[in-house]
Amino acid sequence: MTTTKEHDERIRTMTFASVYPHYVAKVEKKGRTVKELHEVMTWLTGYDAKEIKRLAKSETTFEEFFDKATLNPNAGLITGTICGYRIEEITTPLTKQCRYLDKLIDELAKGRKMEKILRLE
């Protein structure tokens, strides 16, 4: 399933702050911690916890968020389906990066071991 221009545009203009509380709620509901959430986000983006907290209070769009991020060189190892899309088939770089983040957070919430989430095994 490929993404539409409208879908890609919605992701591009969505603010990180509008989604971050949902990430926190999702992982905490499943017994994981904000510290673990930040560890996963740091692995993918290079942002430390302090910067993530700052971005979560700003009007930074996902486009700006990922433009300034240093994507982990192993991010390409993130595969599978998230939100109805197969990550490997997404052609728009920003949409793919957002789905990488969604997939990692989903794995964290599902109780996967951190070593597997961070593609260390």
C-alpha atoms as a PDB file:
ATOM      1  CA  MET A   1       0.000   0.000   0.000  1.00  0.00           C
ATOM      2  CA  THR A   2       1.553   3.306  -1.039  1.00  0.00           C
ATOM      3  CA  THR A   3       0.915   6.570   0.738  1.00  0.00           C
ATOM      4  CA  THR A   4      -1.060   9.379  -0.871  1.00  0.00           C
ATOM      5  CA  LYS A   5       0.114  12.953  -1.339  1.00  0.00           C
ATOM      6  CA  GLU A   6      -2.527  14.053   1.166  1.00  0.00           C
ATOM      7  CA  HIS A   7      -1.291  11.534   3.733  1.00  0.00           C
ATOM      8  CA  ASP A   8       2.328  12.624   3.258  1.00  0.00           C
ATOM      9  CA  GLU A   9       1.356  16.292   3.534  1.00  0.00           C
ATOM     10  CA  ARG A  10      -0.591  15.690   6.744  1.00  0.00           C
ATOM     11  CA  ILE A  11       2.456  14.004   8.307  1.00  0.00           C
ATOM     12  CA  ARG A  12       4.757  16.778   7.064  1.00  0.00           C
ATOM     13  CA  THR A  13       2.752  19.523   8.764  1.00  0.00           C
ATOM     14  CA  MET A  14       1.721  17.676  11.928  1.00  0.00           C
ATOM     15  CA  THR A  15       3.505  18.907  15.043  1.00  0.00           C
ATOM     16  CA  PHE A  16       5.573  16.597  17.196  1.00  0.00           C
ATOM     17  CA  ALA A  17       3.904  18.140  20.267  1.00  0.00           C
ATOM     18  CA  SER A  18       0.471  17.022  19.062  1.00  0.00           C
ATOM     19  CA  VAL A  19       1.542  13.363  18.925  1.00  0.00           C
ATOM     20  CA  TYR A  20       4.066  13.076  21.772  1.00  0.00           C
ATOM     21  CA  PRO A  21       1.423  12.803  24.571  1.00  0.00           C
ATOM     22  CA  HIS A  22      -0.127   9.878  22.668  1.00  0.00           C
ATOM     23  CA  TYR A  23       3.260   8.145  22.519  1.00  0.00           C
ATOM     24  CA  VAL A  24       3.652   8.594  26.285  1.00  0.00           C
ATOM     25  CA  ALA A  25       0.133   7.355  27.013  1.00  0.00           C
ATOM     26  CA  LYS A  26       0.558   4.320  24.769  1.00  0.00           C
ATOM     27  CA  VAL A  27       3.763   3.092  26.398  1.00  0.00           C
ATOM     28  CA  GLU A  28       2.719   3.898  29.966  1.00  0.00           C
ATOM     29  CA  LYS A  29      -0.622   2.127  29.486  1.00  0.00           C
ATOM     30  CA  LYS A  30       1.361  -1.011  28.652  1.00  0.00           C
ATOM     31  CA  GLY A  31       3.695  -0.684  31.655  1.00  0.00           C
ATOM     32  CA  ARG A  32       6.679   0.868  29.899  1.00  0.00           C
ATOM     33  CA  THR A  33       8.333   4.132  30.970  1.00  0.00           C
ATOM     34  CA  VAL A  34       8.960   7.543  29.472  1.00  0.00           C
ATOM     35  CA  LYS A  35      12.663   6.840  29.993  1.00  0.00           C
ATOM     36  CA  GLU A  36      12.344   3.791  27.710  1.00  0.00           C
ATOM     37  CA  LEU A  37      10.354   5.845  25.208  1.00  0.00           C
ATOM     38  CA  HIS A  38      13.124   8.447  25.143  1.00  0.00           C
ATOM     39  CA  GLU A  39      15.758   5.711  24.756  1.00  0.00           C
ATOM     40  CA  VAL A  40      13.973   4.433  21.653  1.00  0.00           C
ATOM     41  CA  MET A  41      13.525   7.948  20.266  1.00  0.00           C
ATOM     42  CA  THR A  42      17.176   8.791  20.952  1.00  0.00           C
ATOM     43  CA  TRP A  43      18.308   5.656  19.162  1.00  0.00           C
ATOM     44  CA  LEU A  44      16.321   6.594  16.047  1.00  0.00           C
ATOM     45  CA  THR A  45      16.828  10.374  15.959  1.00  0.00           C
ATOM     46  CA  GLY A  46      19.942  11.204  17.976  1.00  0.00           C
ATOM     47  CA  TYR A  47      17.964  13.632  20.145  1.00  0.00           C
ATOM     48  CA  ASP A  48      18.623  13.301  23.873  1.00  0.00           C
ATOM     49  CA  ALA A  49      15.825  13.260  26.461  1.00  0.00           C
ATOM     50  CA  LYS A  50      16.210  16.976  27.187  1.00  0.00           C
ATOM     51  CA  GLU A  51      15.830  17.857  23.497  1.00  0.00           C
ATOM     52  CA  ILE A  52      12.854  15.514  23.103  1.00  0.00           C
ATOM     53  CA  LYS A  53      11.115  17.229  26.033  1.00  0.00           C
ATOM     54  CA  ARG A  54      11.861  20.641  24.497  1.00  0.00           C
ATOM     55  CA  LEU A  55      10.499  19.566  21.111  1.00  0.00           C
ATOM     56  CA  ALA A  56       7.389  18.159  22.800  1.00  0.00           C
ATOM     57  CA  LYS A  57       6.605  21.682  24.028  1.00  0.00           C
ATOM     58  CA  SER A  58       7.296  23.444  20.727  1.00  0.00           C
ATOM     59  CA  GLU A  59       5.455  23.873  17.448  1.00  0.00           C
ATOM     60  CA  THR A  60       8.062  21.817  15.577  1.00  0.00           C
ATOM     61  CA  THR A  61       6.546  19.926  12.667  1.00  0.00           C
ATOM     62  CA  PHE A  62       7.559  16.362  11.860  1.00  0.00           C
ATOM     63  CA  GLU A  63       9.321  17.735   8.793  1.00  0.00           C
ATOM     64  CA  GLU A  64      11.466  20.000  10.992  1.00  0.00           C
ATOM     65  CA  PHE A  65      11.848  17.259  13.606  1.00  0.00           C
ATOM     66  CA  PHE A  66      13.356  14.798  11.135  1.00  0.00           C
ATOM     67  CA  ASP A  67      15.293  17.443   9.150  1.00  0.00           C
ATOM     68  CA  LYS A  68      17.356  18.178  12.261  1.00  0.00           C
ATOM     69  CA  ALA A  69      17.551  14.578  13.466  1.00  0.00           C
ATOM     70  CA  THR A  70      20.522  12.300  12.894  1.00  0.00           C
ATOM     71  CA  LEU A  71      18.792   9.122  11.782  1.00  0.00           C
ATOM     72  CA  ASN A  72      20.381   5.941  13.098  1.00  0.00           C
ATOM     73  CA  PRO A  73      22.245   4.124  10.299  1.00  0.00           C
ATOM     74  CA  ASN A  74      20.414   0.916  11.301  1.00  0.00           C
ATOM     75  CA  ALA A  75      16.959   2.472  10.862  1.00  0.00           C
ATOM     76  CA  GLY A  76      16.604   0.539   7.613  1.00  0.00           C
ATOM     77  CA  LEU A  77      16.399  -2.638   9.700  1.00  0.00           C
ATOM     78  CA  ILE A  78      12.971  -1.493  10.909  1.00  0.00           C
ATOM     79  CA  THR A  79      10.485  -3.444   8.834  1.00  0.00           C
ATOM     80  CA  GLY A  80       6.929  -4.635   9.013  1.00  0.00           C
ATOM     81  CA  THR A  81       3.501  -3.087   8.940  1.00  0.00           C
ATOM     82  CA  ILE A  82       2.353  -0.048  10.906  1.00  0.00           C
ATOM     83  CA  CYS A  83      -0.853   1.952  10.454  1.00  0.00           C
ATOM     84  CA  GLY A  84      -1.750  -0.231   7.474  1.00  0.00           C
ATOM     85  CA  TYR A  85       1.482   0.494   5.595  1.00  0.00           C
ATOM     86  CA  ARG A  86       4.416  -1.844   4.969  1.00  0.00           C
ATOM     87  CA  ILE A  87       7.395   0.290   5.992  1.00  0.00           C
ATOM     88  CA  GLU A  88       9.687  -1.155   3.316  1.00  0.00           C
ATOM     89  CA  GLU A  89       7.287  -0.003   0.584  1.00  0.00           C
ATOM     90  CA  ILE A  90       6.937   3.627   1.688  1.00  0.00           C
ATOM     91  CA  THR A  91       8.736   5.825  -0.842  1.00  0.00           C
ATOM     92  CA  THR A  92       8.376   9.248   0.791  1.00  0.00           C
ATOM     93  CA  PRO A  93      11.397   9.629   3.118  1.00  0.00           C
ATOM     94  CA  LEU A  94       9.645  11.710   5.787  1.00  0.00           C
ATOM     95  CA  THR A  95       6.635   9.402   5.940  1.00  0.00           C
ATOM     96  CA  LYS A  96       8.982   6.418   6.205  1.00  0.00           C
ATOM     97  CA  GLN A  97      10.894   8.077   9.071  1.00  0.00           C
ATOM     98  CA  CYS A  98       7.654   8.803  10.942  1.00  0.00           C
ATOM     99  CA  ARG A  99       6.553   5.209  10.476  1.00  0.00           C
ATOM    100  CA  TYR A 100       9.941   4.022  11.776  1.00  0.00           C
ATOM    101  CA  LEU A 101       9.198   5.974  14.958  1.00  0.00           C
ATOM    102  CA  ASP A 102       5.647   4.625  15.138  1.00  0.00           C
ATOM    103  CA  LYS A 103       6.895   1.050  14.702  1.00  0.00           C
ATOM    104  CA  LEU A 104       9.521   1.380  17.445  1.00  0.00           C
ATOM    105  CA  ILE A 105       6.976   2.822  19.858  1.00  0.00           C
ATOM    106  CA  ASP A 106       4.524   0.066  18.957  1.00  0.00           C
ATOM    107  CA  GLU A 107       7.189  -2.575  19.657  1.00  0.00           C
ATOM    108  CA  LEU A 108       7.975  -0.925  23.001  1.00  0.00           C
ATOM    109  CA  ALA A 109       4.303  -0.888  23.974  1.00  0.00           C
ATOM    110  CA  LYS A 110       3.940  -4.539  22.992  1.00  0.00           C
ATOM    111  CA  GLY A 111       6.645  -5.489  25.490  1.00  0.00           C
ATOM    112  CA  ARG A 112       9.427  -6.336  23.084  1.00  0.00           C
ATOM    113  CA  LYS A 113      12.901  -6.464  24.615  1.00  0.00           C
ATOM    114  CA  MET A 114      14.887  -3.250  24.227  1.00  0.00           C
ATOM    115  CA  GLU A 115      17.765  -5.101  22.500  1.00  0.00           C
ATOM    116  CA  LYS A 116      15.387  -6.212  19.749  1.00  0.00           C
ATOM    117  CA  ILE A 117      13.729  -2.799  19.442  1.00  0.00           C
ATOM    118  CA  LEU A 118      17.129  -1.142  19.023  1.00  0.00           C
ATOM    119  CA  ARG A 119      18.142  -3.801  16.498  1.00  0.00           C
ATOM    120  CA  LEU A 120      21.070  -4.934  18.670  1.00  0.00           C
ATOM    121  CA  GLU A 121      20.277  -8.633  18.267  1.00  0.00           C
END
